[in-house]
Amino acid sequence: MVNIINYVFLAASAVLGITILAFVTKERRKIKGKINNLKNKHNQLQTKAEQDLNNEEIVPLESVENKSLVFLFAVPLLVIIPIIFSIGN
């Protein structure tokens, strides 16, 4: 009688072990699939970013600095000149 109970528990634990193993394998495959999808998306975005960077027109730094200097002096003048004319009148 005790041997039969031992065999039943052994069979039940074997079935439980196989079920857990199957579940873990299934979940592992899902995770691997998600990782591969993320890698593919990353590679696509990286390729697109490189293409965009290659197509980007490079603006020389000097032209940007010159424009910022123009705005640095032009904006205060646009404020000061009307004040001077309003004081004169």
N, C-alpha and C. Protein backbone atom coordinates (compact mmCIF):
# COMPACT_ATOMS: atom_id res chain seq x y z
N MET A 1 0.83 -1.20 0.00
CA MET A 1 0.00 0.00 0.00
C MET A 1 0.87 1.25 0.00
N VAL A 2 1.92 1.25 0.80
CA VAL A 2 2.82 2.40 0.88
C VAL A 2 3.54 2.58 -0.43
N ASN A 3 3.90 1.49 -1.11
CA ASN A 3 4.57 1.58 -2.40
C ASN A 3 3.67 2.24 -3.45
N ILE A 4 2.40 1.93 -3.41
CA ILE A 4 1.46 2.52 -4.37
C ILE A 4 1.37 4.03 -4.15
N ILE A 5 1.29 4.46 -2.91
CA ILE A 5 1.23 5.89 -2.59
C ILE A 5 2.52 6.57 -3.04
N ASN A 6 3.64 5.93 -2.81
CA ASN A 6 4.91 6.50 -3.27
C ASN A 6 4.93 6.65 -4.79
N TYR A 7 4.45 5.66 -5.51
CA TYR A 7 4.41 5.74 -6.97
C TYR A 7 3.47 6.84 -7.45
N VAL A 8 2.35 6.99 -6.76
CA VAL A 8 1.41 8.06 -7.12
C VAL A 8 2.06 9.43 -6.93
N PHE A 9 2.72 9.62 -5.78
CA PHE A 9 3.41 10.89 -5.54
C PHE A 9 4.54 11.11 -6.55
N LEU A 10 5.25 10.06 -6.89
CA LEU A 10 6.33 10.15 -7.86
C LEU A 10 5.78 10.55 -9.23
N ALA A 11 4.68 9.93 -9.63
CA ALA A 11 4.07 10.27 -10.91
C ALA A 11 3.53 11.70 -10.90
N ALA A 12 2.89 12.08 -9.78
CA ALA A 12 2.35 13.44 -9.68
C ALA A 12 3.48 14.47 -9.73
N SER A 13 4.58 14.20 -9.05
CA SER A 13 5.69 15.15 -9.08
C SER A 13 6.34 15.20 -10.46
N ALA A 14 6.38 14.08 -11.17
CA ALA A 14 6.91 14.05 -12.53
C ALA A 14 6.03 14.88 -13.46
N VAL A 15 4.71 14.71 -13.35
CA VAL A 15 3.78 15.49 -14.17
C VAL A 15 3.91 16.97 -13.84
N LEU A 16 4.00 17.30 -12.56
CA LEU A 16 4.15 18.69 -12.15
C LEU A 16 5.46 19.27 -12.68
N GLY A 17 6.53 18.51 -12.59
CA GLY A 17 7.84 18.96 -13.09
C GLY A 17 7.81 19.20 -14.59
N ILE A 18 7.20 18.30 -15.34
CA ILE A 18 7.10 18.46 -16.80
C ILE A 18 6.24 19.67 -17.13
N THR A 19 5.15 19.88 -16.39
CA THR A 19 4.28 21.04 -16.62
C THR A 19 5.04 22.34 -16.37
N ILE A 20 5.77 22.39 -15.26
CA ILE A 20 6.54 23.60 -14.94
C ILE A 20 7.60 23.83 -16.01
N LEU A 21 8.28 22.78 -16.44
CA LEU A 21 9.30 22.89 -17.47
C LEU A 21 8.71 23.41 -18.79
N ALA A 22 7.55 22.88 -19.15
CA ALA A 22 6.89 23.34 -20.38
C ALA A 22 6.49 24.80 -20.28
N PHE A 23 5.95 25.21 -19.13
CA PHE A 23 5.54 26.60 -18.93
C PHE A 23 6.75 27.54 -19.00
N VAL A 24 7.84 27.16 -18.32
CA VAL A 24 9.04 27.99 -18.31
C VAL A 24 9.61 28.10 -19.73
N THR A 25 9.62 27.02 -20.47
CA THR A 25 10.13 27.04 -21.85
C THR A 25 9.28 27.94 -22.72
N LYS A 26 7.96 27.85 -22.55
CA LYS A 26 7.05 28.70 -23.33
C LYS A 26 7.28 30.17 -23.02
N GLU A 27 7.39 30.51 -21.74
CA GLU A 27 7.62 31.90 -21.34
C GLU A 27 8.98 32.39 -21.82
N ARG A 28 9.97 31.52 -21.78
CA ARG A 28 11.31 31.89 -22.23
C ARG A 28 11.29 32.21 -23.73
N ARG A 29 10.56 31.43 -24.51
CA ARG A 29 10.45 31.70 -25.95
C ARG A 29 9.75 33.03 -26.20
N LYS A 30 8.72 33.33 -25.41
CA LYS A 30 8.02 34.62 -25.55
C LYS A 30 8.98 35.77 -25.29
N ILE A 31 9.75 35.64 -24.21
CA ILE A 31 10.69 36.70 -23.85
C ILE A 31 11.76 36.86 -24.92
N LYS A 32 12.27 35.74 -25.44
CA LYS A 32 13.27 35.82 -26.51
C LYS A 32 12.69 36.50 -27.74
N GLY A 33 11.42 36.20 -28.06
CA GLY A 33 10.76 36.85 -29.19
C GLY A 33 10.64 38.35 -28.98
N LYS A 34 10.26 38.75 -27.77
CA LYS A 34 10.15 40.18 -27.47
C LYS A 34 11.52 40.86 -27.56
N ILE A 35 12.55 40.19 -27.06
CA ILE A 35 13.90 40.76 -27.14
C ILE A 35 14.32 40.91 -28.59
N ASN A 36 14.05 39.92 -29.42
CA ASN A 36 14.41 40.00 -30.84
C ASN A 36 13.64 41.13 -31.53
N ASN A 37 12.36 41.29 -31.18
CA ASN A 37 11.58 42.39 -31.76
C ASN A 37 12.18 43.74 -31.38
N LEU A 38 12.56 43.88 -30.10
CA LEU A 38 13.17 45.13 -29.65
C LEU A 38 14.51 45.37 -30.35
N LYS A 39 15.30 44.31 -30.54
CA LYS A 39 16.58 44.46 -31.25
C LYS A 39 16.34 44.91 -32.68
N ASN A 40 15.33 44.32 -33.34
CA ASN A 40 15.02 44.70 -34.72
C ASN A 40 14.58 46.16 -34.80
N LYS A 41 13.70 46.57 -33.86
CA LYS A 41 13.26 47.97 -33.85
C LYS A 41 14.43 48.90 -33.59
N HIS A 42 15.32 48.51 -32.67
CA HIS A 42 16.50 49.33 -32.38
C HIS A 42 17.36 49.47 -33.62
N ASN A 43 17.59 48.36 -34.33
CA ASN A 43 18.41 48.42 -35.54
C ASN A 43 17.76 49.28 -36.61
N GLN A 44 16.44 49.18 -36.75
CA GLN A 44 15.73 50.01 -37.74
C GLN A 44 15.85 51.49 -37.39
N LEU A 45 15.66 51.82 -36.10
CA LEU A 45 15.76 53.22 -35.68
C LEU A 45 17.19 53.73 -35.84
N GLN A 46 18.16 52.88 -35.53
CA GLN A 46 19.55 53.31 -35.67
C GLN A 46 19.89 53.55 -37.14
N THR A 47 19.42 52.68 -38.03
CA THR A 47 19.66 52.86 -39.45
C THR A 47 18.99 54.13 -39.95
N LYS A 48 17.75 54.36 -39.52
CA LYS A 48 17.03 55.57 -39.93
C LYS A 48 17.75 56.81 -39.42
N ALA A 49 18.23 56.77 -38.17
CA ALA A 49 18.93 57.92 -37.62
C ALA A 49 20.22 58.20 -38.38
N GLU A 50 20.92 57.14 -38.76
CA GLU A 50 22.14 57.32 -39.54
C GLU A 50 21.83 57.91 -40.91
N GLN A 51 20.74 57.44 -41.53
CA GLN A 51 20.35 57.99 -42.83
C GLN A 51 19.96 59.45 -42.70
N ASP A 52 19.21 59.79 -41.65
CA ASP A 52 18.82 61.18 -41.43
C ASP A 52 20.04 62.05 -41.19
N LEU A 53 21.00 61.51 -40.45
CA LEU A 53 22.22 62.26 -40.16
C LEU A 53 23.02 62.48 -41.44
N ASN A 54 23.05 61.47 -42.31
CA ASN A 54 23.77 61.62 -43.57
C ASN A 54 23.07 62.60 -44.50
N ASN A 55 21.76 62.69 -44.43
CA ASN A 55 21.00 63.60 -45.29
C ASN A 55 20.94 65.01 -44.73
N GLU A 56 21.32 65.17 -43.46
CA GLU A 56 21.23 66.47 -42.80
C GLU A 56 22.25 67.44 -43.40
N GLU A 57 21.80 68.65 -43.64
CA GLU A 57 22.71 69.68 -44.15
C GLU A 57 23.48 70.25 -42.97
N ILE A 58 24.79 70.27 -43.10
CA ILE A 58 25.64 70.74 -42.01
C ILE A 58 25.80 72.25 -42.16
N VAL A 59 25.44 72.98 -41.10
CA VAL A 59 25.53 74.44 -41.10
C VAL A 59 26.83 74.83 -40.41
N PRO A 60 27.64 75.65 -41.06
CA PRO A 60 28.89 76.06 -40.41
C PRO A 60 28.61 76.84 -39.12
N LEU A 61 29.44 76.64 -38.13
CA LEU A 61 29.25 77.26 -36.83
C LEU A 61 29.38 78.77 -36.92
N GLU A 62 30.25 79.26 -37.81
CA GLU A 62 30.46 80.70 -37.92
C GLU A 62 29.17 81.42 -38.30
N SER A 63 28.40 80.83 -39.21
CA SER A 63 27.17 81.49 -39.64
C SER A 63 26.17 81.56 -38.49
N VAL A 64 26.14 80.55 -37.67
CA VAL A 64 25.24 80.57 -36.52
C VAL A 64 25.68 81.63 -35.53
N GLU A 65 27.00 81.72 -35.30
CA GLU A 65 27.50 82.72 -34.36
C GLU A 65 27.23 84.13 -34.87
N ASN A 66 27.42 84.35 -36.18
CA ASN A 66 27.18 85.68 -36.75
C ASN A 66 25.72 86.08 -36.61
N LYS A 67 24.83 85.14 -36.85
CA LYS A 67 23.40 85.45 -36.72
C LYS A 67 23.05 85.76 -35.28
N SER A 68 23.63 85.02 -34.34
CA SER A 68 23.31 85.28 -32.94
C SER A 68 23.85 86.64 -32.52
N LEU A 69 25.01 87.04 -33.06
CA LEU A 69 25.55 88.36 -32.75
C LEU A 69 24.66 89.47 -33.31
N VAL A 70 24.12 89.26 -34.51
CA VAL A 70 23.21 90.24 -35.10
C VAL A 70 21.99 90.41 -34.21
N PHE A 71 21.41 89.29 -33.76
CA PHE A 71 20.25 89.39 -32.89
C PHE A 71 20.61 89.99 -31.54
N LEU A 72 21.82 89.72 -31.08
CA LEU A 72 22.26 90.26 -29.80
C LEU A 72 22.28 91.79 -29.82
N PHE A 73 22.66 92.38 -30.96
CA PHE A 73 22.72 93.83 -31.06
C PHE A 73 21.44 94.43 -31.64
N ALA A 74 20.76 93.70 -32.50
CA ALA A 74 19.59 94.26 -33.18
C ALA A 74 18.40 94.38 -32.23
N VAL A 75 18.19 93.42 -31.39
CA VAL A 75 17.01 93.44 -30.52
C VAL A 75 17.08 94.60 -29.52
N PRO A 76 18.20 94.83 -28.84
CA PRO A 76 18.24 96.00 -27.95
C PRO A 76 18.06 97.32 -28.71
N LEU A 77 18.61 97.41 -29.92
CA LEU A 77 18.44 98.63 -30.71
C LEU A 77 16.98 98.87 -31.05
N LEU A 78 16.27 97.81 -31.35
CA LEU A 78 14.84 97.94 -31.66
C LEU A 78 14.05 98.43 -30.45
N VAL A 79 14.56 98.20 -29.27
CA VAL A 79 13.89 98.68 -28.06
C VAL A 79 14.35 100.08 -27.71
N ILE A 80 15.64 100.34 -27.86
CA ILE A 80 16.20 101.63 -27.45
C ILE A 80 15.80 102.76 -28.39
N ILE A 81 15.82 102.53 -29.70
CA ILE A 81 15.53 103.60 -30.67
C ILE A 81 14.12 104.17 -30.47
N PRO A 82 13.07 103.38 -30.32
CA PRO A 82 11.75 103.99 -30.07
C PRO A 82 11.70 104.78 -28.76
N ILE A 83 12.43 104.31 -27.75
CA ILE A 83 12.45 105.04 -26.48
C ILE A 83 13.09 106.42 -26.67
N ILE A 84 14.19 106.47 -27.44
CA ILE A 84 14.87 107.74 -27.69
C ILE A 84 13.94 108.69 -28.45
N PHE A 85 13.25 108.16 -29.47
CA PHE A 85 12.34 109.02 -30.23
C PHE A 85 11.16 109.48 -29.39
N SER A 86 10.69 108.64 -28.50
CA SER A 86 9.57 109.06 -27.66
C SER A 86 9.99 110.12 -26.65
N ILE A 87 11.23 110.05 -26.18
CA ILE A 87 11.73 111.07 -25.26
C ILE A 87 11.93 112.40 -26.01
N GLY A 88 12.39 112.32 -27.24
CA GLY A 88 12.62 113.53 -28.04
C GLY A 88 11.34 114.26 -28.37
N ASN A 89 10.24 113.57 -28.47
CA ASN A 89 8.97 114.21 -28.81
C ASN A 89 8.32 114.64 -27.55
